[in-house]
Amino acid sequence: LRQTTMFDEGKKNGFEFMPNWIDIGQYTALDVCEQYQHAKSYKYLSKDDEANYNNRWLQFRGDFVGRTNEIVQRVRQRIQSTETHVYANWIENGHQYGRHKDAMPVLIVQLWNNISYCVESEIGEEKHTAYVLKPGDAIYIHNGTWHTPVIFGERMTLSFGWNR
């Protein structure tokens, strides 16, 4: 018997939805604010939109603090990730990246509130599917797979990637 590797289904279809992938416990707005303030004070923020503009912040570099750090470290150990990004919004219908594809495979892990992802695969039978990610849910998106995040409201999402 062939031993299956993590995300085999995602590699075959272009994506794989994994509800309740990790237990994150009670992750709250205070945890989000703690990470935001940490990233802001150390100048790790890649984007920090003004209030009444898009009300989003992104962190593509730097370290993590508190409960966010605990979760990042647990996921990194589990999947051997080489980088972690934070995507967060403070309002409903906040700005997001729109339809795009990444050069590397990514694992999206939802931490705070919900987000939806529409994914399109040219390599598997599933051609176009949408999932709502709740805290602890994850979706693996193979490199080259088109996907679109849909923002419902306040949220914080982690994206883990691997260098090829």
C-alpha atoms as a PDB file:
ATOM      1  CA  LEU A   1       0.000   0.000   0.000  1.00  0.00           C
ATOM      2  CA  ARG A   2       1.182   3.481  -0.870  1.00  0.00           C
ATOM      3  CA  GLN A   3       1.533   5.769   2.114  1.00  0.00           C
ATOM      4  CA  THR A   4      -0.442   8.945   1.462  1.00  0.00           C
ATOM      5  CA  THR A   5       1.118  12.294   2.159  1.00  0.00           C
ATOM      6  CA  MET A   6      -0.538  15.349   3.581  1.00  0.00           C
ATOM      7  CA  PHE A   7      -2.657  17.206   0.998  1.00  0.00           C
ATOM      8  CA  ASP A   8      -2.617  14.410  -1.614  1.00  0.00           C
ATOM      9  CA  GLU A   9      -6.265  15.167  -2.405  1.00  0.00           C
ATOM     10  CA  GLY A  10      -5.437  18.861  -2.778  1.00  0.00           C
ATOM     11  CA  LYS A  11      -2.537  18.110  -5.091  1.00  0.00           C
ATOM     12  CA  LYS A  12      -4.816  15.940  -7.232  1.00  0.00           C
ATOM     13  CA  ASN A  13      -7.750  18.396  -7.397  1.00  0.00           C
ATOM     14  CA  GLY A  14      -5.990  21.726  -6.898  1.00  0.00           C
ATOM     15  CA  PHE A  15      -7.513  22.295  -3.464  1.00  0.00           C
ATOM     16  CA  GLU A  16      -8.667  20.473  -0.343  1.00  0.00           C
ATOM     17  CA  PHE A  17     -11.070  21.781   2.326  1.00  0.00           C
ATOM     18  CA  MET A  18     -10.398  20.553   5.868  1.00  0.00           C
ATOM     19  CA  PRO A  19     -13.046  21.514   8.439  1.00  0.00           C
ATOM     20  CA  ASN A  20     -11.851  21.576  12.064  1.00  0.00           C
ATOM     21  CA  TRP A  21      -8.268  21.073  10.891  1.00  0.00           C
ATOM     22  CA  ILE A  22      -6.735  22.586  14.035  1.00  0.00           C
ATOM     23  CA  ASP A  23      -8.101  23.351  17.480  1.00  0.00           C
ATOM     24  CA  ILE A  24      -7.423  27.025  18.054  1.00  0.00           C
ATOM     25  CA  GLY A  25      -9.474  27.315  21.233  1.00  0.00           C
ATOM     26  CA  GLN A  26     -11.167  30.620  21.963  1.00  0.00           C
ATOM     27  CA  TYR A  27      -9.404  33.077  19.648  1.00  0.00           C
ATOM     28  CA  THR A  28     -10.814  36.573  20.207  1.00  0.00           C
ATOM     29  CA  ALA A  29     -10.659  40.147  18.931  1.00  0.00           C
ATOM     30  CA  LEU A  30      -8.186  40.838  21.749  1.00  0.00           C
ATOM     31  CA  ASP A  31      -5.811  38.262  20.240  1.00  0.00           C
ATOM     32  CA  VAL A  32      -6.168  39.972  16.854  1.00  0.00           C
ATOM     33  CA  CYS A  33      -5.476  43.388  18.406  1.00  0.00           C
ATOM     34  CA  GLU A  34      -2.452  42.034  20.270  1.00  0.00           C
ATOM     35  CA  GLN A  35      -0.924  40.737  17.018  1.00  0.00           C
ATOM     36  CA  TYR A  36      -1.773  43.960  15.187  1.00  0.00           C
ATOM     37  CA  GLN A  37      -0.167  46.153  17.876  1.00  0.00           C
ATOM     38  CA  HIS A  38       2.909  43.903  17.973  1.00  0.00           C
ATOM     39  CA  ALA A  39       3.323  44.019  14.182  1.00  0.00           C
ATOM     40  CA  LYS A  40       2.737  47.781  14.116  1.00  0.00           C
ATOM     41  CA  SER A  41       5.238  48.524  16.887  1.00  0.00           C
ATOM     42  CA  TYR A  42       7.969  46.451  15.178  1.00  0.00           C
ATOM     43  CA  LYS A  43       7.126  47.814  11.712  1.00  0.00           C
ATOM     44  CA  TYR A  44       6.155  44.361  10.394  1.00  0.00           C
ATOM     45  CA  LEU A  45       2.943  45.552   8.758  1.00  0.00           C
ATOM     46  CA  SER A  46       2.997  45.142   4.991  1.00  0.00           C
ATOM     47  CA  LYS A  47      -0.230  47.124   4.667  1.00  0.00           C
ATOM     48  CA  ASP A  48      -2.202  49.149   7.187  1.00  0.00           C
ATOM     49  CA  ASP A  49      -5.126  50.851   5.473  1.00  0.00           C
ATOM     50  CA  GLU A  50      -6.580  53.994   6.971  1.00  0.00           C
ATOM     51  CA  ALA A  51      -9.866  53.914   8.825  1.00  0.00           C
ATOM     52  CA  ASN A  52     -12.773  54.572   6.457  1.00  0.00           C
ATOM     53  CA  TYR A  53     -10.699  53.284   3.533  1.00  0.00           C
ATOM     54  CA  ASN A  54     -10.384  49.486   3.419  1.00  0.00           C
ATOM     55  CA  ASN A  55      -9.809  48.851   7.111  1.00  0.00           C
ATOM     56  CA  ARG A  56      -7.432  45.954   6.536  1.00  0.00           C
ATOM     57  CA  TRP A  57      -3.938  45.077   7.632  1.00  0.00           C
ATOM     58  CA  LEU A  58      -1.442  42.585   6.295  1.00  0.00           C
ATOM     59  CA  GLN A  59       1.723  41.144   7.764  1.00  0.00           C
ATOM     60  CA  PHE A  60       4.134  39.395   5.382  1.00  0.00           C
ATOM     61  CA  ARG A  61       7.258  39.419   7.562  1.00  0.00           C
ATOM     62  CA  GLY A  62       8.311  39.446  11.190  1.00  0.00           C
ATOM     63  CA  ASP A  63       7.327  37.364  14.150  1.00  0.00           C
ATOM     64  CA  PHE A  64       4.150  36.692  16.085  1.00  0.00           C
ATOM     65  CA  VAL A  65       3.029  37.136  19.660  1.00  0.00           C
ATOM     66  CA  GLY A  66       0.695  35.508  22.194  1.00  0.00           C
ATOM     67  CA  ARG A  67      -1.955  33.062  21.001  1.00  0.00           C
ATOM     68  CA  THR A  68      -1.198  33.887  17.373  1.00  0.00           C
ATOM     69  CA  ASN A  69       2.396  32.754  17.880  1.00  0.00           C
ATOM     70  CA  GLU A  70       1.254  29.530  19.568  1.00  0.00           C
ATOM     71  CA  ILE A  71      -0.973  28.665  16.608  1.00  0.00           C
ATOM     72  CA  VAL A  72       1.640  29.654  14.005  1.00  0.00           C
ATOM     73  CA  GLN A  73       4.249  27.437  15.689  1.00  0.00           C
ATOM     74  CA  ARG A  74       1.856  24.453  15.919  1.00  0.00           C
ATOM     75  CA  VAL A  75       0.931  24.730  12.238  1.00  0.00           C
ATOM     76  CA  ARG A  76       4.545  25.227  11.115  1.00  0.00           C
ATOM     77  CA  GLN A  77       5.607  22.083  12.963  1.00  0.00           C
ATOM     78  CA  ARG A  78       2.744  20.113  11.478  1.00  0.00           C
ATOM     79  CA  ILE A  79       3.301  21.105   7.841  1.00  0.00           C
ATOM     80  CA  GLN A  80       6.936  22.310   7.675  1.00  0.00           C
ATOM     81  CA  SER A  81       5.908  25.738   6.350  1.00  0.00           C
ATOM     82  CA  THR A  82       8.585  28.250   5.375  1.00  0.00           C
ATOM     83  CA  GLU A  83       6.528  31.440   5.595  1.00  0.00           C
ATOM     84  CA  THR A  84       3.405  32.799   7.251  1.00  0.00           C
ATOM     85  CA  HIS A  85       1.283  35.805   6.308  1.00  0.00           C
ATOM     86  CA  VAL A  86      -1.573  37.489   8.190  1.00  0.00           C
ATOM     87  CA  TYR A  87      -4.626  38.873   6.380  1.00  0.00           C
ATOM     88  CA  ALA A  88      -7.117  40.805   8.498  1.00  0.00           C
ATOM     89  CA  ASN A  89     -10.091  43.126   8.071  1.00  0.00           C
ATOM     90  CA  TRP A  90     -11.828  45.352  10.588  1.00  0.00           C
ATOM     91  CA  ILE A  91     -15.070  45.824   8.612  1.00  0.00           C
ATOM     92  CA  GLU A  92     -17.626  43.960   6.536  1.00  0.00           C
ATOM     93  CA  ASN A  93     -16.888  43.846   2.809  1.00  0.00           C
ATOM     94  CA  GLY A  94     -13.292  44.845   3.426  1.00  0.00           C
ATOM     95  CA  HIS A  95     -10.678  44.823   0.711  1.00  0.00           C
ATOM     96  CA  GLN A  96      -9.097  41.536  -0.319  1.00  0.00           C
ATOM     97  CA  TYR A  97      -6.814  40.282  -3.053  1.00  0.00           C
ATOM     98  CA  GLY A  98      -9.515  39.328  -5.523  1.00  0.00           C
ATOM     99  CA  ARG A  99      -9.160  36.367  -7.855  1.00  0.00           C
ATOM    100  CA  HIS A 100      -5.541  35.244  -7.978  1.00  0.00           C
ATOM    101  CA  LYS A 101      -3.228  32.253  -7.984  1.00  0.00           C
ATOM    102  CA  ASP A 102      -0.020  31.756  -6.056  1.00  0.00           C
ATOM    103  CA  ALA A 103       3.345  30.491  -7.272  1.00  0.00           C
ATOM    104  CA  MET A 104       3.645  28.235  -4.220  1.00  0.00           C
ATOM    105  CA  PRO A 105       1.154  25.956  -2.470  1.00  0.00           C
ATOM    106  CA  VAL A 106      -0.610  27.611   0.483  1.00  0.00           C
ATOM    107  CA  LEU A 107      -2.545  26.464   3.498  1.00  0.00           C
ATOM    108  CA  ILE A 108      -5.159  28.993   4.618  1.00  0.00           C
ATOM    109  CA  VAL A 109      -6.100  28.684   8.316  1.00  0.00           C
ATOM    110  CA  GLN A 110      -9.003  30.716   9.673  1.00  0.00           C
ATOM    111  CA  LEU A 111      -8.464  32.206  13.146  1.00  0.00           C
ATOM    112  CA  TRP A 112     -11.131  34.807  13.828  1.00  0.00           C
ATOM    113  CA  ASN A 113     -14.683  34.950  12.437  1.00  0.00           C
ATOM    114  CA  ASN A 114     -15.489  33.553   8.987  1.00  0.00           C
ATOM    115  CA  ILE A 115     -14.287  33.964   5.414  1.00  0.00           C
ATOM    116  CA  SER A 116     -15.268  32.275   2.187  1.00  0.00           C
ATOM    117  CA  TYR A 117     -12.975  31.015  -0.565  1.00  0.00           C
ATOM    118  CA  CYS A 118     -14.051  30.268  -4.108  1.00  0.00           C
ATOM    119  CA  VAL A 119     -11.591  27.876  -5.712  1.00  0.00           C
ATOM    120  CA  GLU A 120     -11.244  26.776  -9.331  1.00  0.00           C
ATOM    121  CA  SER A 121      -9.350  23.718 -10.446  1.00  0.00           C
ATOM    122  CA  GLU A 122      -8.282  22.828 -13.931  1.00  0.00           C
ATOM    123  CA  ILE A 123      -6.658  19.580 -12.816  1.00  0.00           C
ATOM    124  CA  GLY A 124      -9.400  17.723 -10.955  1.00  0.00           C
ATOM    125  CA  GLU A 125     -13.057  16.901 -11.332  1.00  0.00           C
ATOM    126  CA  GLU A 126     -14.057  19.733  -9.001  1.00  0.00           C
ATOM    127  CA  LYS A 127     -14.083  22.699 -11.380  1.00  0.00           C
ATOM    128  CA  HIS A 128     -15.413  25.475  -9.132  1.00  0.00           C
ATOM    129  CA  THR A 129     -16.327  25.254  -5.461  1.00  0.00           C
ATOM    130  CA  ALA A 130     -16.840  27.657  -2.558  1.00  0.00           C
ATOM    131  CA  TYR A 131     -16.232  27.005   1.127  1.00  0.00           C
ATOM    132  CA  VAL A 132     -16.939  29.013   4.259  1.00  0.00           C
ATOM    133  CA  LEU A 133     -14.004  28.744   6.659  1.00  0.00           C
ATOM    134  CA  LYS A 134     -14.759  29.040  10.360  1.00  0.00           C
ATOM    135  CA  PRO A 135     -12.109  29.294  13.094  1.00  0.00           C
ATOM    136  CA  GLY A 136      -9.948  26.172  12.978  1.00  0.00           C
ATOM    137  CA  ASP A 137     -10.909  25.284   9.395  1.00  0.00           C
ATOM    138  CA  ALA A 138      -8.253  25.157   6.700  1.00  0.00           C
ATOM    139  CA  ILE A 139      -8.035  24.951   2.950  1.00  0.00           C
ATOM    140  CA  TYR A 140      -4.996  23.749   1.039  1.00  0.00           C
ATOM    141  CA  ILE A 141      -4.624  25.476  -2.336  1.00  0.00           C
ATOM    142  CA  HIS A 142      -2.098  23.980  -4.743  1.00  0.00           C
ATOM    143  CA  ASN A 143       0.181  26.388  -6.606  1.00  0.00           C
ATOM    144  CA  GLY A 144      -1.408  27.646  -9.810  1.00  0.00           C
ATOM    145  CA  THR A 145      -4.985  27.138  -8.594  1.00  0.00           C
ATOM    146  CA  TRP A 146      -7.197  30.206  -8.980  1.00  0.00           C
ATOM    147  CA  HIS A 147      -8.950  31.291  -5.786  1.00  0.00           C
ATOM    148  CA  THR A 148     -10.921  34.272  -4.530  1.00  0.00           C
ATOM    149  CA  PRO A 149     -11.387  35.231  -0.872  1.00  0.00           C
ATOM    150  CA  VAL A 150     -14.794  36.698   0.022  1.00  0.00           C
ATOM    151  CA  ILE A 151     -14.852  38.893   3.138  1.00  0.00           C
ATOM    152  CA  PHE A 152     -17.980  38.707   5.333  1.00  0.00           C
ATOM    153  CA  GLY A 153     -16.810  41.034   8.064  1.00  0.00           C
ATOM    154  CA  GLU A 154     -14.104  41.351  10.662  1.00  0.00           C
ATOM    155  CA  ARG A 155     -11.692  38.479  10.267  1.00  0.00           C
ATOM    156  CA  MET A 156      -8.122  37.256  10.685  1.00  0.00           C
ATOM    157  CA  THR A 157      -6.689  34.573   8.436  1.00  0.00           C
ATOM    158  CA  LEU A 158      -3.247  32.965   8.312  1.00  0.00           C
ATOM    159  CA  SER A 159      -1.650  31.822   5.062  1.00  0.00           C
ATOM    160  CA  PHE A 160       1.226  29.325   5.241  1.00  0.00           C
ATOM    161  CA  GLY A 161       3.459  28.712   2.232  1.00  0.00           C
ATOM    162  CA  TRP A 162       6.335  26.525   1.136  1.00  0.00           C
ATOM    163  CA  ASN A 163       9.269  27.348  -1.098  1.00  0.00           C
ATOM    164  CA  ARG A 164       9.532  24.885  -3.914  1.00  0.00           C
END
